[in-house]
Structure formats: C-alpha cells, structure tokens
Amino acid sequence: RNEILKETRSPEESAALENFDVISWIDSKIERRPFEEVIKRKSKSV
C-alpha cells in the first residue's frame, strides 16, 4: 500500500489505477474485511 501510494503521486502512474481501486482492495486485506464493505465505507465517508 505504501509503495503504491508513493508511486501514484505522479499523474502518469495514477492513471494505471483508474479502472480498479487497488488501495481499497489492499485495505480489505489489511483489515480482513470484504472488499465490498471497504468500498461502501469509503463512498459513505466521501
């Protein structure tokens, strides 16, 4: 997660993640929660 966040600081690299929220997927693994739950939580907070 830290490495991806570091790499995606540039617009060119962040374009690689436009189609899939890999950070939320990683968060789901770290938190041991379903991916869908993490996505819903993030959308509510936004």
All heavy atoms as atom14 arrays in JSON, in Angstrom:
{
  "sequence": "RNEILKETRSPEESAALENFDVISWIDSKIERRPFEEVIKRKSKSV",
  "atom14_mask": [
    [1, 1, 1, 1, 1, 1, 1, 1, 1, 1, 1, 0, 0, 0],
    [1, 1, 1, 1, 1, 1, 1, 1, 0, 0, 0, 0, 0, 0],
    [1, 1, 1, 1, 1, 1, 1, 1, 1, 0, 0, 0, 0, 0],
    [1, 1, 1, 1, 1, 1, 1, 1, 0, 0, 0, 0, 0, 0],
    [1, 1, 1, 1, 1, 1, 1, 1, 0, 0, 0, 0, 0, 0],
    [1, 1, 1, 1, 1, 1, 1, 1, 1, 0, 0, 0, 0, 0],
    [1, 1, 1, 1, 1, 1, 1, 1, 1, 0, 0, 0, 0, 0],
    [1, 1, 1, 1, 1, 1, 1, 0, 0, 0, 0, 0, 0, 0],
    [1, 1, 1, 1, 1, 1, 1, 1, 1, 1, 1, 0, 0, 0],
    [1, 1, 1, 1, 1, 1, 0, 0, 0, 0, 0, 0, 0, 0],
    [1, 1, 1, 1, 1, 1, 1, 0, 0, 0, 0, 0, 0, 0],
    [1, 1, 1, 1, 1, 1, 1, 1, 1, 0, 0, 0, 0, 0],
    [1, 1, 1, 1, 1, 1, 1, 1, 1, 0, 0, 0, 0, 0],
    [1, 1, 1, 1, 1, 1, 0, 0, 0, 0, 0, 0, 0, 0],
    [1, 1, 1, 1, 1, 0, 0, 0, 0, 0, 0, 0, 0, 0],
    [1, 1, 1, 1, 1, 0, 0, 0, 0, 0, 0, 0, 0, 0],
    [1, 1, 1, 1, 1, 1, 1, 1, 0, 0, 0, 0, 0, 0],
    [1, 1, 1, 1, 1, 1, 1, 1, 1, 0, 0, 0, 0, 0],
    [1, 1, 1, 1, 1, 1, 1, 1, 0, 0, 0, 0, 0, 0],
    [1, 1, 1, 1, 1, 1, 1, 1, 1, 1, 1, 0, 0, 0],
    [1, 1, 1, 1, 1, 1, 1, 1, 0, 0, 0, 0, 0, 0],
    [1, 1, 1, 1, 1, 1, 1, 0, 0, 0, 0, 0, 0, 0],
    [1, 1, 1, 1, 1, 1, 1, 1, 0, 0, 0, 0, 0, 0],
    [1, 1, 1, 1, 1, 1, 0, 0, 0, 0, 0, 0, 0, 0],
    [1, 1, 1, 1, 1, 1, 1, 1, 1, 1, 1, 1, 1, 1],
    [1, 1, 1, 1, 1, 1, 1, 1, 0, 0, 0, 0, 0, 0],
    [1, 1, 1, 1, 1, 1, 1, 1, 0, 0, 0, 0, 0, 0],
    [1, 1, 1, 1, 1, 1, 0, 0, 0, 0, 0, 0, 0, 0],
    [1, 1, 1, 1, 1, 1, 1, 1, 1, 0, 0, 0, 0, 0],
    [1, 1, 1, 1, 1, 1, 1, 1, 0, 0, 0, 0, 0, 0],
    [1, 1, 1, 1, 1, 1, 1, 1, 1, 0, 0, 0, 0, 0],
    [1, 1, 1, 1, 1, 1, 1, 1, 1, 1, 1, 0, 0, 0],
    [1, 1, 1, 1, 1, 1, 1, 1, 1, 1, 1, 0, 0, 0],
    [1, 1, 1, 1, 1, 1, 1, 0, 0, 0, 0, 0, 0, 0],
    [1, 1, 1, 1, 1, 1, 1, 1, 1, 1, 1, 0, 0, 0],
    [1, 1, 1, 1, 1, 1, 1, 1, 1, 0, 0, 0, 0, 0],
    [1, 1, 1, 1, 1, 1, 1, 1, 1, 0, 0, 0, 0, 0],
    [1, 1, 1, 1, 1, 1, 1, 0, 0, 0, 0, 0, 0, 0],
    [1, 1, 1, 1, 1, 1, 1, 1, 0, 0, 0, 0, 0, 0],
    [1, 1, 1, 1, 1, 1, 1, 1, 1, 0, 0, 0, 0, 0],
    [1, 1, 1, 1, 1, 1, 1, 1, 1, 1, 1, 0, 0, 0],
    [1, 1, 1, 1, 1, 1, 1, 1, 1, 0, 0, 0, 0, 0],
    [1, 1, 1, 1, 1, 1, 0, 0, 0, 0, 0, 0, 0, 0],
    [1, 1, 1, 1, 1, 1, 1, 1, 1, 0, 0, 0, 0, 0],
    [1, 1, 1, 1, 1, 1, 0, 0, 0, 0, 0, 0, 0, 0],
    [1, 1, 1, 1, 1, 1, 1, 0, 0, 0, 0, 0, 0, 0]
  ],
  "atom14_positions": [
    [[0.83, -1.21, 0.0], [0.0, 0.0, 0.0], [0.87, 1.26, 0.0], [0.65, 2.18, -0.79], [-0.92, 0.0, 1.22], [-1.91, 1.13, 1.26], [-2.75, 1.06, 2.53], [-3.95, 1.85, 2.45], [-3.99, 3.18, 2.58], [-2.87, 3.86, 2.8], [-5.14, 3.82, 2.5], [0.0, 0.0, 0.0], [0.0, 0.0, 0.0], [0.0, 0.0, 0.0]],
    [[1.87, 1.29, 0.86], [2.75, 2.46, 0.94], [3.5, 2.68, -0.37], [3.64, 3.82, -0.83], [3.74, 2.32, 2.1], [3.06, 2.43, 3.44], [1.99, 3.01, 3.57], [3.66, 1.86, 4.46], [0.0, 0.0, 0.0], [0.0, 0.0, 0.0], [0.0, 0.0, 0.0], [0.0, 0.0, 0.0], [0.0, 0.0, 0.0], [0.0, 0.0, 0.0]],
    [[3.98, 1.6, -0.96], [4.73, 1.72, -2.21], [3.83, 2.21, -3.35], [4.23, 3.05, -4.15], [5.36, 0.38, -2.58], [6.16, 0.47, -3.84], [7.53, -0.14, -3.75], [7.86, -0.72, -2.7], [8.26, -0.03, -4.73], [0.0, 0.0, 0.0], [0.0, 0.0, 0.0], [0.0, 0.0, 0.0], [0.0, 0.0, 0.0], [0.0, 0.0, 0.0]],
    [[2.61, 1.69, -3.41], [1.68, 2.13, -4.46], [1.34, 3.61, -4.27], [1.32, 4.37, -5.24], [0.42, 1.26, -4.49], [0.79, -0.12, -5.04], [-0.68, 1.9, -5.32], [-0.32, -1.13, -4.98], [0.0, 0.0, 0.0], [0.0, 0.0, 0.0], [0.0, 0.0, 0.0], [0.0, 0.0, 0.0], [0.0, 0.0, 0.0], [0.0, 0.0, 0.0]],
    [[1.07, 4.01, -3.05], [0.77, 5.43, -2.8], [1.94, 6.31, -3.19], [1.75, 7.4, -3.74], [0.38, 5.64, -1.34], [-0.98, 5.07, -0.94], [-1.2, 5.21, 0.56], [-2.1, 5.75, -1.72], [0.0, 0.0, 0.0], [0.0, 0.0, 0.0], [0.0, 0.0, 0.0], [0.0, 0.0, 0.0], [0.0, 0.0, 0.0], [0.0, 0.0, 0.0]],
    [[3.14, 5.85, -2.92], [4.33, 6.62, -3.29], [4.44, 6.73, -4.81], [4.68, 7.81, -5.35], [5.58, 5.95, -2.72], [6.88, 6.68, -3.04], [8.07, 5.98, -2.43], [8.43, 4.82, -3.34], [9.65, 4.13, -2.99], [0.0, 0.0, 0.0], [0.0, 0.0, 0.0], [0.0, 0.0, 0.0], [0.0, 0.0, 0.0], [0.0, 0.0, 0.0]],
    [[4.23, 5.62, -5.5], [4.36, 5.61, -6.96], [3.26, 6.4, -7.66], [3.48, 6.95, -8.72], [4.38, 4.17, -7.49], [5.61, 3.39, -7.11], [6.9, 3.99, -7.63], [6.9, 4.69, -8.67], [7.94, 3.77, -6.97], [0.0, 0.0, 0.0], [0.0, 0.0, 0.0], [0.0, 0.0, 0.0], [0.0, 0.0, 0.0], [0.0, 0.0, 0.0]],
    [[2.08, 6.44, -7.08], [0.95, 7.09, -7.76], [0.86, 8.58, -7.47], [-0.14, 9.2, -7.78], [-0.38, 6.4, -7.41], [-0.56, 6.38, -6.0], [-0.43, 5.0, -7.96], [0.0, 0.0, 0.0], [0.0, 0.0, 0.0], [0.0, 0.0, 0.0], [0.0, 0.0, 0.0], [0.0, 0.0, 0.0], [0.0, 0.0, 0.0], [0.0, 0.0, 0.0]],
    [[1.9, 9.14, -6.91], [1.93, 10.6, -6.73], [2.01, 11.31, -8.09], [1.56, 12.43, -8.21], [3.11, 11.01, -5.85], [2.9, 10.65, -4.41], [4.06, 11.1, -3.55], [3.91, 10.57, -2.2], [4.91, 10.25, -1.42], [6.16, 10.44, -1.81], [4.68, 9.78, -0.22], [0.0, 0.0, 0.0], [0.0, 0.0, 0.0], [0.0, 0.0, 0.0]],
    [[2.59, 10.64, -9.06], [2.67, 11.24, -10.4], [1.4, 10.91, -11.17], [0.87, 9.8, -11.08], [3.9, 10.72, -11.16], [3.69, 9.41, -11.59], [0.0, 0.0, 0.0], [0.0, 0.0, 0.0], [0.0, 0.0, 0.0], [0.0, 0.0, 0.0], [0.0, 0.0, 0.0], [0.0, 0.0, 0.0], [0.0, 0.0, 0.0], [0.0, 0.0, 0.0]],
    [[0.9, 11.87, -11.96], [-0.33, 11.64, -12.73], [-0.21, 10.46, -13.7], [-1.17, 9.74, -13.92], [-0.53, 12.95, -13.49], [0.26, 13.96, -12.76], [1.39, 13.23, -12.1], [0.0, 0.0, 0.0], [0.0, 0.0, 0.0], [0.0, 0.0, 0.0], [0.0, 0.0, 0.0], [0.0, 0.0, 0.0], [0.0, 0.0, 0.0], [0.0, 0.0, 0.0]],
    [[0.98, 10.27, -14.25], [1.17, 9.17, -15.2], [0.94, 7.82, -14.52], [0.32, 6.93, -15.08], [2.58, 9.2, -15.8], [2.88, 10.44, -16.61], [3.33, 11.63, -15.74], [3.79, 11.42, -14.61], [3.2, 12.76, -16.23], [0.0, 0.0, 0.0], [0.0, 0.0, 0.0], [0.0, 0.0, 0.0], [0.0, 0.0, 0.0], [0.0, 0.0, 0.0]],
    [[1.47, 7.66, -13.33], [1.32, 6.4, -12.6], [-0.09, 6.22, -12.04], [-0.6, 5.11, -12.01], [2.35, 6.29, -11.48], [3.75, 6.06, -11.96], [3.95, 4.71, -12.65], [3.3, 3.72, -12.27], [4.77, 4.66, -13.58], [0.0, 0.0, 0.0], [0.0, 0.0, 0.0], [0.0, 0.0, 0.0], [0.0, 0.0, 0.0], [0.0, 0.0, 0.0]],
    [[-0.7, 7.29, -11.6], [-2.05, 7.16, -11.04], [-3.05, 6.73, -12.1], [-4.07, 6.11, -11.79], [-2.49, 8.45, -10.36], [-2.61, 9.5, -11.28], [0.0, 0.0, 0.0], [0.0, 0.0, 0.0], [0.0, 0.0, 0.0], [0.0, 0.0, 0.0], [0.0, 0.0, 0.0], [0.0, 0.0, 0.0], [0.0, 0.0, 0.0], [0.0, 0.0, 0.0]],
    [[-2.75, 6.99, -13.37], [-3.62, 6.57, -14.47], [-3.74, 5.05, -14.52], [-4.76, 4.53, -14.97], [-3.09, 7.1, -15.79], [0.0, 0.0, 0.0], [0.0, 0.0, 0.0], [0.0, 0.0, 0.0], [0.0, 0.0, 0.0], [0.0, 0.0, 0.0], [0.0, 0.0, 0.0], [0.0, 0.0, 0.0], [0.0, 0.0, 0.0], [0.0, 0.0, 0.0]],
    [[-2.74, 4.36, -14.04], [-2.76, 2.9, -14.05], [-3.85, 2.33, -13.15], [-4.27, 1.19, -13.32], [-1.4, 2.34, -13.62], [0.0, 0.0, 0.0], [0.0, 0.0, 0.0], [0.0, 0.0, 0.0], [0.0, 0.0, 0.0], [0.0, 0.0, 0.0], [0.0, 0.0, 0.0], [0.0, 0.0, 0.0], [0.0, 0.0, 0.0], [0.0, 0.0, 0.0]],
    [[-4.34, 3.12, -12.21], [-5.31, 2.63, -11.23], [-6.72, 3.19, -11.45], [-7.56, 3.09, -10.56], [-4.82, 2.97, -9.82], [-3.45, 2.43, -9.45], [-3.09, 2.84, -8.04], [-3.4, 0.93, -9.6], [0.0, 0.0, 0.0], [0.0, 0.0, 0.0], [0.0, 0.0, 0.0], [0.0, 0.0, 0.0], [0.0, 0.0, 0.0], [0.0, 0.0, 0.0]],
    [[-6.96, 3.75, -12.62], [-8.26, 4.36, -12.88], [-9.41, 3.36, -12.91], [-10.53, 3.68, -12.57], [-8.23, 5.14, -14.19], [-7.44, 6.41, -14.11], [-7.41, 7.16, -15.42], [-7.94, 6.65, -16.44], [-6.86, 8.26, -15.43], [0.0, 0.0, 0.0], [0.0, 0.0, 0.0], [0.0, 0.0, 0.0], [0.0, 0.0, 0.0], [0.0, 0.0, 0.0]],
    [[-9.15, 2.13, -13.31], [-10.23, 1.16, -13.5], [-10.47, 0.24, -12.31], [-11.47, -0.47, -12.29], [-9.93, 0.31, -14.74], [-9.94, 1.14, -16.0], [-10.79, 1.98, -16.17], [-8.96, 0.91, -16.86], [0.0, 0.0, 0.0], [0.0, 0.0, 0.0], [0.0, 0.0, 0.0], [0.0, 0.0, 0.0], [0.0, 0.0, 0.0], [0.0, 0.0, 0.0]],
    [[-9.57, 0.26, -11.36], [-9.72, -0.62, -10.2], [-9.13, 0.06, -8.97], [-8.0, 0.55, -9.02], [-9.02, -1.96, -10.45], [-9.14, -2.93, -9.3], [-10.36, -3.48, -8.97], [-8.05, -3.25, -8.54], [-10.49, -4.36, -7.9], [-8.15, -4.14, -7.47], [-9.38, -4.69, -7.16], [0.0, 0.0, 0.0], [0.0, 0.0, 0.0], [0.0, 0.0, 0.0]],
    [[-9.89, 0.09, -7.9], [-9.44, 0.73, -6.66], [-8.56, -0.25, -5.88], [-9.01, -0.9, -4.93], [-10.64, 1.17, -5.83], [-10.26, 1.99, -4.62], [-9.06, 2.12, -4.31], [-11.19, 2.5, -3.95], [0.0, 0.0, 0.0], [0.0, 0.0, 0.0], [0.0, 0.0, 0.0], [0.0, 0.0, 0.0], [0.0, 0.0, 0.0], [0.0, 0.0, 0.0]],
    [[-7.32, -0.35, -6.29], [-6.4, -1.31, -5.69], [-6.11, -0.96, -4.22], [-5.91, -1.85, -3.41], [-5.1, -1.45, -6.52], [-4.22, -0.23, -6.39], [-4.34, -2.69, -6.13], [0.0, 0.0, 0.0], [0.0, 0.0, 0.0], [0.0, 0.0, 0.0], [0.0, 0.0, 0.0], [0.0, 0.0, 0.0], [0.0, 0.0, 0.0], [0.0, 0.0, 0.0]],
    [[-6.15, 0.31, -3.87], [-5.91, 0.7, -2.49], [-7.02, 0.16, -1.59], [-6.75, -0.37, -0.51], [-5.76, 2.23, -2.35], [-4.53, 2.73, -3.13], [-5.69, 2.65, -0.88], [-3.2, 2.18, -2.64], [0.0, 0.0, 0.0], [0.0, 0.0, 0.0], [0.0, 0.0, 0.0], [0.0, 0.0, 0.0], [0.0, 0.0, 0.0], [0.0, 0.0, 0.0]],
    [[-8.25, 0.24, -2.03], [-9.35, -0.33, -1.23], [-9.24, -1.84, -1.14], [-9.54, -2.43, -0.1], [-10.7, 0.05, -1.83], [-10.92, 1.43, -1.67], [0.0, 0.0, 0.0], [0.0, 0.0, 0.0], [0.0, 0.0, 0.0], [0.0, 0.0, 0.0], [0.0, 0.0, 0.0], [0.0, 0.0, 0.0], [0.0, 0.0, 0.0], [0.0, 0.0, 0.0]],
    [[-8.79, -2.48, -2.22], [-8.6, -3.93, -2.18], [-7.52, -4.3, -1.16], [-7.7, -5.21, -0.36], [-8.23, -4.45, -3.57], [-7.94, -5.9, -3.59], [-8.85, -6.92, -3.57], [-6.65, -6.52, -3.61], [-8.19, -8.14, -3.58], [-6.85, -7.92, -3.61], [-5.35, -6.03, -3.64], [-5.8, -8.82, -3.63], [-4.3, -6.93, -3.66], [-4.53, -8.31, -3.65]],
    [[-6.42, -3.55, -1.17], [-5.35, -3.78, -0.19], [-5.87, -3.52, 1.22], [-5.6, -4.29, 2.14], [-4.12, -2.91, -0.5], [-3.49, -3.36, -1.83], [-3.1, -2.98, 0.63], [-2.44, -2.4, -2.36], [0.0, 0.0, 0.0], [0.0, 0.0, 0.0], [0.0, 0.0, 0.0], [0.0, 0.0, 0.0], [0.0, 0.0, 0.0], [0.0, 0.0, 0.0]],
    [[-6.62, -2.43, 1.4], [-7.19, -2.13, 2.71], [-8.07, -3.28, 3.2], [-8.07, -3.61, 4.39], [-8.0, -0.83, 2.67], [-7.13, 0.41, 2.58], [-5.9, 0.33, 2.83], [-7.67, 1.49, 2.24], [0.0, 0.0, 0.0], [0.0, 0.0, 0.0], [0.0, 0.0, 0.0], [0.0, 0.0, 0.0], [0.0, 0.0, 0.0], [0.0, 0.0, 0.0]],
    [[-8.81, -3.88, 2.29], [-9.67, -5.01, 2.69], [-8.84, -6.18, 3.2], [-9.23, -6.87, 4.13], [-10.58, -5.44, 1.54], [-9.89, -6.18, 0.57], [0.0, 0.0, 0.0], [0.0, 0.0, 0.0], [0.0, 0.0, 0.0], [0.0, 0.0, 0.0], [0.0, 0.0, 0.0], [0.0, 0.0, 0.0], [0.0, 0.0, 0.0], [0.0, 0.0, 0.0]],
    [[-7.68, -6.38, 2.6], [-6.79, -7.45, 3.05], [-6.16, -7.11, 4.41], [-6.07, -7.96, 5.29], [-5.67, -7.71, 2.03], [-6.17, -8.11, 0.67], [-7.02, -9.35, 0.77], [-7.56, -9.76, -0.58], [-8.56, -10.8, -0.47], [0.0, 0.0, 0.0], [0.0, 0.0, 0.0], [0.0, 0.0, 0.0], [0.0, 0.0, 0.0], [0.0, 0.0, 0.0]],
    [[-5.76, -5.85, 4.58], [-5.16, -5.42, 5.84], [-6.17, -5.5, 6.98], [-5.87, -5.98, 8.07], [-4.59, -3.99, 5.71], [-3.39, -3.99, 4.76], [-4.2, -3.42, 7.08], [-2.92, -2.6, 4.36], [0.0, 0.0, 0.0], [0.0, 0.0, 0.0], [0.0, 0.0, 0.0], [0.0, 0.0, 0.0], [0.0, 0.0, 0.0], [0.0, 0.0, 0.0]],
    [[-7.39, -5.04, 6.71], [-8.44, -5.0, 7.73], [-9.18, -6.33, 7.88], [-10.03, -6.46, 8.77], [-9.45, -3.91, 7.38], [-8.84, -2.52, 7.33], [-9.8, -1.48, 6.77], [-11.02, -1.76, 6.65], [-9.32, -0.38, 6.44], [0.0, 0.0, 0.0], [0.0, 0.0, 0.0], [0.0, 0.0, 0.0], [0.0, 0.0, 0.0], [0.0, 0.0, 0.0]],
    [[-8.91, -7.25, 6.97], [-9.61, -8.55, 6.94], [-11.12, -8.36, 6.85], [-11.9, -8.94, 7.61], [-9.22, -9.41, 8.14], [-7.76, -9.77, 8.13], [-7.39, -10.62, 9.27], [-5.95, -10.93, 9.17], [-5.26, -11.47, 10.13], [-5.82, -11.78, 11.26], [-3.98, -11.71, 9.96], [0.0, 0.0, 0.0], [0.0, 0.0, 0.0], [0.0, 0.0, 0.0]],
    [[-11.5, -7.5, 5.91], [-12.91, -7.21, 5.65], [-13.18, -7.44, 4.17], [-12.26, -7.35, 3.35], [-13.23, -5.75, 5.98], [-13.08, -5.41, 7.44], [-13.46, -3.94, 7.67], [-13.32, -3.59, 9.05], [-14.25, -3.79, 9.97], [-15.38, -4.35, 9.65], [-14.04, -3.42, 11.22], [0.0, 0.0, 0.0], [0.0, 0.0, 0.0], [0.0, 0.0, 0.0]],
    [[-14.43, -7.7, 3.82], [-14.75, -7.86, 2.4], [-14.47, -6.57, 1.62], [-14.7, -5.46, 2.12], [-16.25, -8.17, 2.4], [-16.53, -8.69, 3.77], [-15.57, -7.97, 4.67], [0.0, 0.0, 0.0], [0.0, 0.0, 0.0], [0.0, 0.0, 0.0], [0.0, 0.0, 0.0], [0.0, 0.0, 0.0], [0.0, 0.0, 0.0], [0.0, 0.0, 0.0]],
    [[-13.98, -6.72, 0.42], [-13.68, -5.59, -0.46], [-14.89, -4.68, -0.61], [-14.79, -3.46, -0.51], [-13.21, -6.13, -1.81], [-12.95, -5.1, -2.85], [-11.96, -4.14, -2.68], [-13.66, -5.1, -4.04], [-11.7, -3.2, -3.66], [-13.41, -4.17, -5.03], [-12.43, -3.2, -4.84], [0.0, 0.0, 0.0], [0.0, 0.0, 0.0], [0.0, 0.0, 0.0]],
    [[-16.05, -5.29, -0.81], [-17.29, -4.53, -0.98], [-17.57, -3.63, 0.24], [-18.0, -2.49, 0.1], [-18.45, -5.5, -1.19], [-19.79, -4.81, -1.36], [-20.94, -5.79, -1.53], [-20.73, -7.01, -1.38], [-22.05, -5.32, -1.79], [0.0, 0.0, 0.0], [0.0, 0.0, 0.0], [0.0, 0.0, 0.0], [0.0, 0.0, 0.0], [0.0, 0.0, 0.0]],
    [[-17.31, -4.14, 1.42], [-17.54, -3.37, 2.64], [-16.62, -2.15, 2.7], [-17.04, -1.07, 3.09], [-17.29, -4.28, 3.85], [-17.62, -3.66, 5.18], [-17.39, -4.64, 6.32], [-17.89, -5.78, 6.25], [-16.7, -4.25, 7.28], [0.0, 0.0, 0.0], [0.0, 0.0, 0.0], [0.0, 0.0, 0.0], [0.0, 0.0, 0.0], [0.0, 0.0, 0.0]],
    [[-15.38, -2.32, 2.32], [-14.42, -1.21, 2.32], [-14.85, -0.15, 1.31], [-14.84, 1.04, 1.61], [-12.99, -1.71, 2.03], [-12.03, -0.55, 1.85], [-12.51, -2.64, 3.15], [0.0, 0.0, 0.0], [0.0, 0.0, 0.0], [0.0, 0.0, 0.0], [0.0, 0.0, 0.0], [0.0, 0.0, 0.0], [0.0, 0.0, 0.0], [0.0, 0.0, 0.0]],
    [[-15.27, -0.57, 0.14], [-15.74, 0.37, -0.9], [-16.96, 1.15, -0.4], [-17.02, 2.37, -0.54], [-16.1, -0.39, -2.21], [-14.85, -0.99, -2.83], [-16.83, 0.51, -3.19], [-13.91, 0.0, -3.42], [0.0, 0.0, 0.0], [0.0, 0.0, 0.0], [0.0, 0.0, 0.0], [0.0, 0.0, 0.0], [0.0, 0.0, 0.0], [0.0, 0.0, 0.0]],
    [[-17.91, 0.44, 0.2], [-19.12, 1.12, 0.71], [-18.76, 2.13, 1.79], [-19.27, 3.24, 1.82], [-20.12, 0.1, 1.25], [-20.85, -0.65, 0.19], [-21.83, -1.64, 0.79], [-22.56, -2.42, -0.27], [-23.49, -3.39, 0.3], [0.0, 0.0, 0.0], [0.0, 0.0, 0.0], [0.0, 0.0, 0.0], [0.0, 0.0, 0.0], [0.0, 0.0, 0.0]],
    [[-17.85, 1.75, 2.7], [-17.44, 2.65, 3.78], [-16.77, 3.9, 3.21], [-17.07, 5.01, 3.62], [-16.5, 1.94, 4.74], [-16.13, 2.8, 5.95], [-15.09, 2.17, 6.85], [-13.8, 2.2, 6.14], [-12.97, 1.18, 6.04], [-13.25, 0.02, 6.55], [-11.84, 1.31, 5.4], [0.0, 0.0, 0.0], [0.0, 0.0, 0.0], [0.0, 0.0, 0.0]],
    [[-15.92, 3.72, 2.23], [-15.23, 4.86, 1.62], [-16.21, 5.77, 0.87], [-16.07, 6.98, 0.93], [-14.12, 4.4, 0.7], [-12.91, 3.91, 1.45], [-11.75, 3.59, 0.53], [-10.54, 3.2, 1.33], [-9.36, 2.97, 0.47], [0.0, 0.0, 0.0], [0.0, 0.0, 0.0], [0.0, 0.0, 0.0], [0.0, 0.0, 0.0], [0.0, 0.0, 0.0]],
    [[-17.19, 5.18, 0.21], [-18.14, 6.01, -0.53], [-19.03, 6.8, 0.43], [-19.4, 7.93, 0.14], [-18.99, 5.17, -1.48], [-19.87, 4.34, -0.78], [0.0, 0.0, 0.0], [0.0, 0.0, 0.0], [0.0, 0.0, 0.0], [0.0, 0.0, 0.0], [0.0, 0.0, 0.0], [0.0, 0.0, 0.0], [0.0, 0.0, 0.0], [0.0, 0.0, 0.0]],
    [[-19.36, 6.22, 1.58], [-20.12, 6.94, 2.59], [-19.33, 8.1, 3.17], [-19.86, 9.17, 3.41], [-20.56, 6.01, 3.72], [-21.7, 5.09, 3.34], [-22.09, 4.22, 4.52], [-23.16, 3.23, 4.12], [-23.53, 2.33, 5.22], [0.0, 0.0, 0.0], [0.0, 0.0, 0.0], [0.0, 0.0, 0.0], [0.0, 0.0, 0.0], [0.0, 0.0, 0.0]],
    [[-18.04, 7.88, 3.4], [-17.23, 8.94, 4.01], [-16.99, 10.09, 3.01], [-16.85, 11.22, 3.41], [-15.89, 8.39, 4.51], [-15.06, 7.99, 3.44], [0.0, 0.0, 0.0], [0.0, 0.0, 0.0], [0.0, 0.0, 0.0], [0.0, 0.0, 0.0], [0.0, 0.0, 0.0], [0.0, 0.0, 0.0], [0.0, 0.0, 0.0], [0.0, 0.0, 0.0]],
    [[-17.01, 9.79, 1.73], [-16.82, 10.83, 0.71], [-18.11, 11.61, 0.52], [-18.09, 12.83, 0.38], [-16.37, 10.21, -0.64], [-16.41, 11.22, -1.76], [-14.99, 9.62, -0.51], [0.0, 0.0, 0.0], [0.0, 0.0, 0.0], [0.0, 0.0, 0.0], [0.0, 0.0, 0.0], [0.0, 0.0, 0.0], [0.0, 0.0, 0.0], [0.0, 0.0, 0.0]]
  ]
}
